[in-house]
Full PDB file with SEQRES, HELIX, SHEET, SSBOND, CRYST1, ORIGX, SCALE, CONECT and MASTER records, all heavy atoms in Angstrom:
SEQRES   1 A   39  PRO LEU GLY GLY LEU ALA LEU GLY LYS LEU ILE LEU ILE          
SEQRES   2 A   39  VAL GLY ILE THR ALA ALA LEU GLY GLY SER GLY ILE LEU          
SEQRES   3 A   39  LEU ILE ALA VAL THR LEU ILE PHE LEU ILE VAL MET ARG          
HELIX    1 AA1 LEU A    2  VAL A   14  1                                  13    
HELIX    2 AA2 ILE A   16  VAL A   37  1                                  22    
CRYST1    1.000    1.000    1.000  90.00  90.00  90.00 P 1           1          
ORIGX1      1.000000  0.000000  0.000000        0.00000                         
ORIGX2      0.000000  1.000000  0.000000        0.00000                         
ORIGX3      0.000000  0.000000  1.000000        0.00000                         
SCALE1      1.000000  0.000000  0.000000        0.00000                         
SCALE2      0.000000  1.000000  0.000000        0.00000                         
SCALE3      0.000000  0.000000  1.000000        0.00000                         
ATOM      1  N   PRO A   1      88.715 106.591  86.372  1.00  0.00           N  
ATOM      2  CA  PRO A   1      89.539 106.017  87.488  1.00  0.00           C  
ATOM      3  C   PRO A   1      90.749 105.277  87.007  1.00  0.00           C  
ATOM      4  O   PRO A   1      91.761 105.368  87.655  1.00  0.00           O  
ATOM      5  CB  PRO A   1      88.559 105.151  88.268  1.00  0.00           C  
ATOM      6  CG  PRO A   1      87.538 104.791  87.255  1.00  0.00           C  
ATOM      7  CD  PRO A   1      87.403 105.967  86.345  1.00  0.00           C  
ATOM      8  N   LEU A   2      90.644 104.513  85.928  1.00  0.00           N  
ATOM      9  CA  LEU A   2      91.750 103.766  85.420  1.00  0.00           C  
ATOM     10  C   LEU A   2      92.853 104.644  84.878  1.00  0.00           C  
ATOM     11  O   LEU A   2      94.066 104.387  85.188  1.00  0.00           O  
ATOM     12  CB  LEU A   2      91.312 102.791  84.296  1.00  0.00           C  
ATOM     13  CG  LEU A   2      90.417 101.654  84.675  1.00  0.00           C  
ATOM     14  CD1 LEU A   2      89.973 100.853  83.460  1.00  0.00           C  
ATOM     15  CD2 LEU A   2      91.161 100.712  85.660  1.00  0.00           C  
ATOM     16  N   GLY A   3      92.490 105.696  84.246  1.00  0.00           N  
ATOM     17  CA  GLY A   3      93.536 106.713  83.801  1.00  0.00           C  
ATOM     18  C   GLY A   3      94.169 107.357  84.968  1.00  0.00           C  
ATOM     19  O   GLY A   3      95.410 107.615  84.999  1.00  0.00           O  
ATOM     20  N   GLY A   4      93.408 107.753  86.001  1.00  0.00           N  
ATOM     21  CA  GLY A   4      93.986 108.359  87.146  1.00  0.00           C  
ATOM     22  C   GLY A   4      94.924 107.439  87.908  1.00  0.00           C  
ATOM     23  O   GLY A   4      96.003 107.878  88.369  1.00  0.00           O  
ATOM     24  N   LEU A   5      94.506 106.173  88.014  1.00  0.00           N  
ATOM     25  CA  LEU A   5      95.412 105.172  88.668  1.00  0.00           C  
ATOM     26  C   LEU A   5      96.733 104.989  87.880  1.00  0.00           C  
ATOM     27  O   LEU A   5      97.776 105.009  88.535  1.00  0.00           O  
ATOM     28  CB  LEU A   5      94.613 103.848  88.791  1.00  0.00           C  
ATOM     29  CG  LEU A   5      95.429 102.680  89.410  1.00  0.00           C  
ATOM     30  CD1 LEU A   5      95.769 102.998  90.825  1.00  0.00           C  
ATOM     31  CD2 LEU A   5      94.569 101.409  89.309  1.00  0.00           C  
ATOM     32  N   ALA A   6      96.604 104.825  86.625  1.00  0.00           N  
ATOM     33  CA  ALA A   6      97.814 104.634  85.792  1.00  0.00           C  
ATOM     34  C   ALA A   6      98.725 105.829  85.806  1.00  0.00           C  
ATOM     35  O   ALA A   6      99.943 105.701  85.992  1.00  0.00           O  
ATOM     36  CB  ALA A   6      97.444 104.274  84.379  1.00  0.00           C  
ATOM     37  N   LEU A   7      98.156 107.016  85.673  1.00  0.00           N  
ATOM     38  CA  LEU A   7      98.964 108.259  85.685  1.00  0.00           C  
ATOM     39  C   LEU A   7      99.598 108.456  87.051  1.00  0.00           C  
ATOM     40  O   LEU A   7     100.685 108.887  87.146  1.00  0.00           O  
ATOM     41  CB  LEU A   7      98.102 109.407  85.252  1.00  0.00           C  
ATOM     42  CG  LEU A   7      98.833 110.726  84.906  1.00  0.00           C  
ATOM     43  CD1 LEU A   7      99.745 110.489  83.703  1.00  0.00           C  
ATOM     44  CD2 LEU A   7      97.883 111.867  84.585  1.00  0.00           C  
ATOM     45  N   GLY A   8      98.866 108.164  88.107  1.00  0.00           N  
ATOM     46  CA  GLY A   8      99.424 108.339  89.472  1.00  0.00           C  
ATOM     47  C   GLY A   8     100.564 107.489  89.692  1.00  0.00           C  
ATOM     48  O   GLY A   8     101.600 107.900  90.297  1.00  0.00           O  
ATOM     49  N   LYS A   9     100.539 106.224  89.134  1.00  0.00           N  
ATOM     50  CA  LYS A   9     101.694 105.373  89.290  1.00  0.00           C  
ATOM     51  C   LYS A   9     102.877 105.823  88.452  1.00  0.00           C  
ATOM     52  O   LYS A   9     104.056 105.746  88.872  1.00  0.00           O  
ATOM     53  CB  LYS A   9     101.293 103.903  88.838  1.00  0.00           C  
ATOM     54  CG  LYS A   9     100.270 103.240  89.734  1.00  0.00           C  
ATOM     55  CD  LYS A   9     100.860 102.952  91.135  1.00  0.00           C  
ATOM     56  CE  LYS A   9      99.841 102.130  91.977  1.00  0.00           C  
ATOM     57  NZ  LYS A   9     100.379 101.853  93.310  1.00  0.00           N  
ATOM     58  N   LEU A  10     102.573 106.270  87.237  1.00  0.00           N  
ATOM     59  CA  LEU A  10     103.689 106.790  86.377  1.00  0.00           C  
ATOM     60  C   LEU A  10     104.338 108.050  86.909  1.00  0.00           C  
ATOM     61  O   LEU A  10     105.588 108.241  86.744  1.00  0.00           O  
ATOM     62  CB  LEU A  10     103.124 107.023  84.951  1.00  0.00           C  
ATOM     63  CG  LEU A  10     102.842 105.810  84.100  1.00  0.00           C  
ATOM     64  CD1 LEU A  10     102.115 106.220  82.850  1.00  0.00           C  
ATOM     65  CD2 LEU A  10     104.133 104.991  83.866  1.00  0.00           C  
ATOM     66  N   ILE A  11     103.527 108.905  87.564  1.00  0.00           N  
ATOM     67  CA  ILE A  11     104.119 110.086  88.128  1.00  0.00           C  
ATOM     68  C   ILE A  11     105.211 109.836  89.110  1.00  0.00           C  
ATOM     69  O   ILE A  11     106.249 110.482  89.192  1.00  0.00           O  
ATOM     70  CB  ILE A  11     103.004 111.012  88.736  1.00  0.00           C  
ATOM     71  CG1 ILE A  11     102.177 111.617  87.658  1.00  0.00           C  
ATOM     72  CG2 ILE A  11     103.630 112.080  89.634  1.00  0.00           C  
ATOM     73  CD1 ILE A  11     100.996 112.398  88.187  1.00  0.00           C  
ATOM     74  N   LEU A  12     105.018 108.830  89.921  1.00  0.00           N  
ATOM     75  CA  LEU A  12     105.981 108.419  90.921  1.00  0.00           C  
ATOM     76  C   LEU A  12     107.291 107.846  90.325  1.00  0.00           C  
ATOM     77  O   LEU A  12     108.350 107.924  90.873  1.00  0.00           O  
ATOM     78  CB  LEU A  12     105.420 107.275  91.851  1.00  0.00           C  
ATOM     79  CG  LEU A  12     104.195 107.696  92.678  1.00  0.00           C  
ATOM     80  CD1 LEU A  12     103.694 106.506  93.414  1.00  0.00           C  
ATOM     81  CD2 LEU A  12     104.541 108.824  93.611  1.00  0.00           C  
ATOM     82  N   ILE A  13     107.185 107.396  89.064  1.00  0.00           N  
ATOM     83  CA  ILE A  13     108.359 106.811  88.351  1.00  0.00           C  
ATOM     84  C   ILE A  13     109.062 107.809  87.477  1.00  0.00           C  
ATOM     85  O   ILE A  13     110.265 107.991  87.549  1.00  0.00           O  
ATOM     86  CB  ILE A  13     107.921 105.613  87.537  1.00  0.00           C  
ATOM     87  CG1 ILE A  13     107.272 104.502  88.425  1.00  0.00           C  
ATOM     88  CG2 ILE A  13     109.093 104.997  86.807  1.00  0.00           C  
ATOM     89  CD1 ILE A  13     106.617 103.323  87.671  1.00  0.00           C  
ATOM     90  N   VAL A  14     108.285 108.514  86.564  1.00  0.00           N  
ATOM     91  CA  VAL A  14     108.902 109.373  85.645  1.00  0.00           C  
ATOM     92  C   VAL A  14     108.685 110.834  85.855  1.00  0.00           C  
ATOM     93  O   VAL A  14     109.301 111.683  85.175  1.00  0.00           O  
ATOM     94  CB  VAL A  14     108.417 108.980  84.184  1.00  0.00           C  
ATOM     95  CG1 VAL A  14     108.787 107.497  83.878  1.00  0.00           C  
ATOM     96  CG2 VAL A  14     106.879 109.225  84.020  1.00  0.00           C  
ATOM     97  N   GLY A  15     107.804 111.213  86.792  1.00  0.00           N  
ATOM     98  CA  GLY A  15     107.532 112.628  87.044  1.00  0.00           C  
ATOM     99  C   GLY A  15     106.278 113.062  86.348  1.00  0.00           C  
ATOM    100  O   GLY A  15     105.803 112.465  85.381  1.00  0.00           O  
ATOM    101  N   ILE A  16     105.703 114.202  86.815  1.00  0.00           N  
ATOM    102  CA  ILE A  16     104.446 114.652  86.274  1.00  0.00           C  
ATOM    103  C   ILE A  16     104.478 115.140  84.781  1.00  0.00           C  
ATOM    104  O   ILE A  16     103.605 114.854  84.004  1.00  0.00           O  
ATOM    105  CB  ILE A  16     103.885 115.810  87.212  1.00  0.00           C  
ATOM    106  CG1 ILE A  16     102.532 116.353  86.642  1.00  0.00           C  
ATOM    107  CG2 ILE A  16     104.932 116.963  87.205  1.00  0.00           C  
ATOM    108  CD1 ILE A  16     101.437 115.349  86.741  1.00  0.00           C  
ATOM    109  N   THR A  17     105.603 115.787  84.409  1.00  0.00           N  
ATOM    110  CA  THR A  17     105.682 116.246  83.069  1.00  0.00           C  
ATOM    111  C   THR A  17     105.730 115.135  82.044  1.00  0.00           C  
ATOM    112  O   THR A  17     104.934 115.135  81.044  1.00  0.00           O  
ATOM    113  CB  THR A  17     107.010 117.106  82.902  1.00  0.00           C  
ATOM    114  OG1 THR A  17     106.940 118.236  83.793  1.00  0.00           O  
ATOM    115  CG2 THR A  17     107.146 117.561  81.463  1.00  0.00           C  
ATOM    116  N   ALA A  18     106.593 114.129  82.297  1.00  0.00           N  
ATOM    117  CA  ALA A  18     106.656 112.997  81.387  1.00  0.00           C  
ATOM    118  C   ALA A  18     105.392 112.121  81.315  1.00  0.00           C  
ATOM    119  O   ALA A  18     104.894 111.743  80.289  1.00  0.00           O  
ATOM    120  CB  ALA A  18     107.864 112.104  81.731  1.00  0.00           C  
ATOM    121  N   ALA A  19     104.795 111.908  82.523  1.00  0.00           N  
ATOM    122  CA  ALA A  19     103.564 111.171  82.587  1.00  0.00           C  
ATOM    123  C   ALA A  19     102.391 111.797  81.865  1.00  0.00           C  
ATOM    124  O   ALA A  19     101.744 111.188  81.070  1.00  0.00           O  
ATOM    125  CB  ALA A  19     103.231 110.882  84.063  1.00  0.00           C  
ATOM    126  N   LEU A  20     102.172 113.101  82.252  1.00  0.00           N  
ATOM    127  CA  LEU A  20     101.102 113.846  81.577  1.00  0.00           C  
ATOM    128  C   LEU A  20     101.353 114.051  80.087  1.00  0.00           C  
ATOM    129  O   LEU A  20     100.386 113.896  79.257  1.00  0.00           O  
ATOM    130  CB  LEU A  20     100.903 115.131  82.355  1.00  0.00           C  
ATOM    131  CG  LEU A  20      99.571 115.871  82.016  1.00  0.00           C  
ATOM    132  CD1 LEU A  20      98.384 115.074  82.381  1.00  0.00           C  
ATOM    133  CD2 LEU A  20      99.564 117.244  82.753  1.00  0.00           C  
ATOM    134  N   GLY A  21     102.565 114.399  79.729  1.00  0.00           N  
ATOM    135  CA  GLY A  21     102.853 114.568  78.334  1.00  0.00           C  
ATOM    136  C   GLY A  21     102.750 113.247  77.532  1.00  0.00           C  
ATOM    137  O   GLY A  21     102.260 113.255  76.411  1.00  0.00           O  
ATOM    138  N   GLY A  22     103.117 112.145  78.142  1.00  0.00           N  
ATOM    139  CA  GLY A  22     103.006 110.864  77.485  1.00  0.00           C  
ATOM    140  C   GLY A  22     101.536 110.503  77.240  1.00  0.00           C  
ATOM    141  O   GLY A  22     101.229 109.935  76.189  1.00  0.00           O  
ATOM    142  N   SER A  23     100.653 110.804  78.145  1.00  0.00           N  
ATOM    143  CA  SER A  23      99.213 110.482  77.949  1.00  0.00           C  
ATOM    144  C   SER A  23      98.678 111.336  76.762  1.00  0.00           C  
ATOM    145  O   SER A  23      97.875 110.864  76.014  1.00  0.00           O  
ATOM    146  CB  SER A  23      98.438 110.783  79.240  1.00  0.00           C  
ATOM    147  OG  SER A  23      98.442 112.180  79.566  1.00  0.00           O  
ATOM    148  N   GLY A  24      99.086 112.596  76.722  1.00  0.00           N  
ATOM    149  CA  GLY A  24      98.648 113.444  75.612  1.00  0.00           C  
ATOM    150  C   GLY A  24      99.149 112.940  74.301  1.00  0.00           C  
ATOM    151  O   GLY A  24      98.393 112.884  73.249  1.00  0.00           O  
ATOM    152  N   ILE A  25     100.453 112.544  74.211  1.00  0.00           N  
ATOM    153  CA  ILE A  25     101.021 111.971  72.979  1.00  0.00           C  
ATOM    154  C   ILE A  25     100.357 110.691  72.584  1.00  0.00           C  
ATOM    155  O   ILE A  25     100.106 110.412  71.389  1.00  0.00           O  
ATOM    156  CB  ILE A  25     102.556 111.817  73.205  1.00  0.00           C  
ATOM    157  CG1 ILE A  25     103.208 113.197  73.296  1.00  0.00           C  
ATOM    158  CG2 ILE A  25     103.147 110.980  71.971  1.00  0.00           C  
ATOM    159  CD1 ILE A  25     104.660 113.100  73.670  1.00  0.00           C  
ATOM    160  N   LEU A  26     100.035 109.869  73.575  1.00  0.00           N  
ATOM    161  CA  LEU A  26      99.411 108.639  73.287  1.00  0.00           C  
ATOM    162  C   LEU A  26      98.019 108.796  72.745  1.00  0.00           C  
ATOM    163  O   LEU A  26      97.578 108.120  71.792  1.00  0.00           O  
ATOM    164  CB  LEU A  26      99.332 107.731  74.556  1.00  0.00           C  
ATOM    165  CG  LEU A  26      98.821 106.242  74.374  1.00  0.00           C  
ATOM    166  CD1 LEU A  26      99.693 105.529  73.308  1.00  0.00           C  
ATOM    167  CD2 LEU A  26      98.882 105.531  75.675  1.00  0.00           C  
ATOM    168  N   LEU A  27      97.280 109.784  73.209  1.00  0.00           N  
ATOM    169  CA  LEU A  27      95.946 110.181  72.750  1.00  0.00           C  
ATOM    170  C   LEU A  27      96.069 110.621  71.305  1.00  0.00           C  
ATOM    171  O   LEU A  27      95.212 110.341  70.455  1.00  0.00           O  
ATOM    172  CB  LEU A  27      95.290 111.121  73.599  1.00  0.00           C  
ATOM    173  CG  LEU A  27      93.892 111.630  73.213  1.00  0.00           C  
ATOM    174  CD1 LEU A  27      92.920 110.411  73.203  1.00  0.00           C  
ATOM    175  CD2 LEU A  27      93.310 112.661  74.143  1.00  0.00           C  
ATOM    176  N   ILE A  28      97.104 111.469  71.011  1.00  0.00           N  
ATOM    177  CA  ILE A  28      97.312 111.934  69.626  1.00  0.00           C  
ATOM    178  C   ILE A  28      97.560 110.717  68.708  1.00  0.00           C  
ATOM    179  O   ILE A  28      97.032 110.678  67.613  1.00  0.00           O  
ATOM    180  CB  ILE A  28      98.500 112.890  69.611  1.00  0.00           C  
ATOM    181  CG1 ILE A  28      98.195 114.182  70.334  1.00  0.00           C  
ATOM    182  CG2 ILE A  28      98.964 113.191  68.150  1.00  0.00           C  
ATOM    183  CD1 ILE A  28      99.402 115.137  70.505  1.00  0.00           C  
ATOM    184  N   ALA A  29      98.333 109.761  69.163  1.00  0.00           N  
ATOM    185  CA  ALA A  29      98.683 108.560  68.349  1.00  0.00           C  
ATOM    186  C   ALA A  29      97.427 107.745  68.045  1.00  0.00           C  
ATOM    187  O   ALA A  29      97.227 107.357  66.870  1.00  0.00           O  
ATOM    188  CB  ALA A  29      99.718 107.705  69.053  1.00  0.00           C  
ATOM    189  N   VAL A  30      96.599 107.557  69.026  1.00  0.00           N  
ATOM    190  CA  VAL A  30      95.324 106.788  68.824  1.00  0.00           C  
ATOM    191  C   VAL A  30      94.453 107.526  67.837  1.00  0.00           C  
ATOM    192  O   VAL A  30      93.899 106.906  66.910  1.00  0.00           O  
ATOM    193  CB  VAL A  30      94.599 106.578  70.166  1.00  0.00           C  
ATOM    194  CG1 VAL A  30      93.182 106.037  69.922  1.00  0.00           C  
ATOM    195  CG2 VAL A  30      95.384 105.715  71.037  1.00  0.00           C  
ATOM    196  N   THR A  31      94.365 108.885  67.951  1.00  0.00           N  
ATOM    197  CA  THR A  31      93.524 109.622  67.031  1.00  0.00           C  
ATOM    198  C   THR A  31      94.020 109.621  65.621  1.00  0.00           C  
ATOM    199  O   THR A  31      93.290 109.492  64.682  1.00  0.00           O  
ATOM    200  CB  THR A  31      93.392 111.066  67.588  1.00  0.00           C  
ATOM    201  OG1 THR A  31      92.987 111.046  68.950  1.00  0.00           O  
ATOM    202  CG2 THR A  31      92.363 111.851  66.762  1.00  0.00           C  
ATOM    203  N   LEU A  32      95.380 109.686  65.517  1.00  0.00           N  
ATOM    204  CA  LEU A  32      96.007 109.717  64.213  1.00  0.00           C  
ATOM    205  C   LEU A  32      95.797 108.409  63.458  1.00  0.00           C  
ATOM    206  O   LEU A  32      95.664 108.379  62.225  1.00  0.00           O  
ATOM    207  CB  LEU A  32      97.444 110.066  64.297  1.00  0.00           C  
ATOM    208  CG  LEU A  32      97.817 111.524  64.527  1.00  0.00           C  
ATOM    209  CD1 LEU A  32      99.368 111.685  64.702  1.00  0.00           C  
ATOM    210  CD2 LEU A  32      97.293 112.449  63.457  1.00  0.00           C  
ATOM    211  N   ILE A  33      95.755 107.335  64.200  1.00  0.00           N  
ATOM    212  CA  ILE A  33      95.479 106.042  63.574  1.00  0.00           C  
ATOM    213  C   ILE A  33      94.095 106.007  62.876  1.00  0.00           C  
ATOM    214  O   ILE A  33      94.010 105.571  61.724  1.00  0.00           O  
ATOM    215  CB  ILE A  33      95.608 104.865  64.625  1.00  0.00           C  
ATOM    216  CG1 ILE A  33      97.015 104.727  65.112  1.00  0.00           C  
ATOM    217  CG2 ILE A  33      95.043 103.588  64.050  1.00  0.00           C  
ATOM    218  CD1 ILE A  33      97.118 103.739  66.259  1.00  0.00           C  
ATOM    219  N   PHE A  34      93.128 106.578  63.580  1.00  0.00           N  
ATOM    220  CA  PHE A  34      91.810 106.670  63.013  1.00  0.00           C  
ATOM    221  C   PHE A  34      91.746 107.652  61.826  1.00  0.00           C  
ATOM    222  O   PHE A  34      91.115 107.422  60.843  1.00  0.00           O  
ATOM    223  CB  PHE A  34      90.753 107.025  64.019  1.00  0.00           C  
ATOM    224  CG  PHE A  34      90.325 105.916  64.910  1.00  0.00           C  
ATOM    225  CD1 PHE A  34      91.037 105.603  66.047  1.00  0.00           C  
ATOM    226  CD2 PHE A  34      89.200 105.147  64.543  1.00  0.00           C  
ATOM    227  CE1 PHE A  34      90.558 104.518  66.829  1.00  0.00           C  
ATOM    228  CE2 PHE A  34      88.786 104.120  65.373  1.00  0.00           C  
ATOM    229  CZ  PHE A  34      89.482 103.777  66.463  1.00  0.00           C  
ATOM    230  N   LEU A  35      92.455 108.771  61.994  1.00  0.00           N  
ATOM    231  CA  LEU A  35      92.456 109.798  60.961  1.00  0.00           C  
ATOM    232  C   LEU A  35      93.196 109.414  59.670  1.00  0.00           C  
ATOM    233  O   LEU A  35      92.708 109.621  58.579  1.00  0.00           O  
ATOM    234  CB  LEU A  35      93.034 111.107  61.487  1.00  0.00           C  
ATOM    235  CG  LEU A  35      92.117 111.966  62.389  1.00  0.00           C  
ATOM    236  CD1 LEU A  35      92.973 113.112  62.937  1.00  0.00           C  
ATOM    237  CD2 LEU A  35      90.941 112.530  61.582  1.00  0.00           C  
ATOM    238  N   ILE A  36      94.334 108.760  59.870  1.00  0.00           N  
ATOM    239  CA  ILE A  36      95.140 108.370  58.738  1.00  0.00           C  
ATOM    240  C   ILE A  36      94.553 107.203  57.970  1.00  0.00           C  
ATOM    241  O   ILE A  36      94.403 107.186  56.751  1.00  0.00           O  
ATOM    242  CB  ILE A  36      96.596 108.102  59.144  1.00  0.00           C  
ATOM    243  CG1 ILE A  36      97.255 109.439  59.627  1.00  0.00           C  
ATOM    244  CG2 ILE A  36      97.367 107.538  57.964  1.00  0.00           C  
ATOM    245  CD1 ILE A  36      98.608 109.200  60.243  1.00  0.00           C  
ATOM    246  N   VAL A  37      94.151 106.210  58.742  1.00  0.00           N  
ATOM    247  CA  VAL A  37      93.572 105.003  58.111  1.00  0.00           C  
ATOM    248  C   VAL A  37      92.161 105.350  57.534  1.00  0.00           C  
ATOM    249  O   VAL A  37      91.848 104.829  56.480  1.00  0.00           O  
ATOM    250  CB  VAL A  37      93.487 103.827  59.114  1.00  0.00           C  
ATOM    251  CG1 VAL A  37      92.818 102.619  58.527  1.00  0.00           C  
ATOM    252  CG2 VAL A  37      94.932 103.496  59.584  1.00  0.00           C  
ATOM    253  N   MET A  38      91.465 106.287  58.315  1.00  0.00           N  
ATOM    254  CA  MET A  38      90.160 106.750  57.886  1.00  0.00           C  
ATOM    255  C   MET A  38      89.047 105.683  57.953  1.00  0.00           C  
ATOM    256  O   MET A  38      87.890 105.989  57.728  1.00  0.00           O  
ATOM    257  CB  MET A  38      90.191 107.371  56.461  1.00  0.00           C  
ATOM    258  CG  MET A  38      91.023 108.568  56.290  1.00  0.00           C  
ATOM    259  SD  MET A  38      90.463 109.906  57.364  1.00  0.00           S  
ATOM    260  CE  MET A  38      88.914 110.303  56.541  1.00  0.00           C  
ATOM    261  N   ARG A  39      89.382 104.428  58.213  1.00  0.00           N  
ATOM    262  CA  ARG A  39      88.302 103.463  58.297  1.00  0.00           C  
ATOM    263  C   ARG A  39      87.397 103.741  59.418  1.00  0.00           C  
ATOM    264  O   ARG A  39      86.144 103.536  59.324  1.00  0.00           O  
ATOM    265  CB  ARG A  39      88.955 102.045  58.426  1.00  0.00           C  
ATOM    266  CG  ARG A  39      89.555 101.510  57.189  1.00  0.00           C  
ATOM    267  CD  ARG A  39      90.079 100.075  57.412  1.00  0.00           C  
ATOM    268  NE  ARG A  39      88.954  99.206  57.824  1.00  0.00           N  
ATOM    269  CZ  ARG A  39      89.139  97.960  58.160  1.00  0.00           C  
ATOM    270  NH1 ARG A  39      90.335  97.423  58.255  1.00  0.00           N  
ATOM    271  NH2 ARG A  39      88.069  97.152  58.531  1.00  0.00           N  
TER     272      ARG A  39                                                      
MASTER        0    0    0    2    0    0    0    6  271    1    0    3          
END                                                                             
């Protein structure tokens, strides 16, 4: 629900493409932190 709420607010500001794409990129960034650091 928190993700849906945040994305719904962002869609009104930046549009569906930027909001959805941004969430995917942010998930990639979080994952890469774990993968690169490896800890």
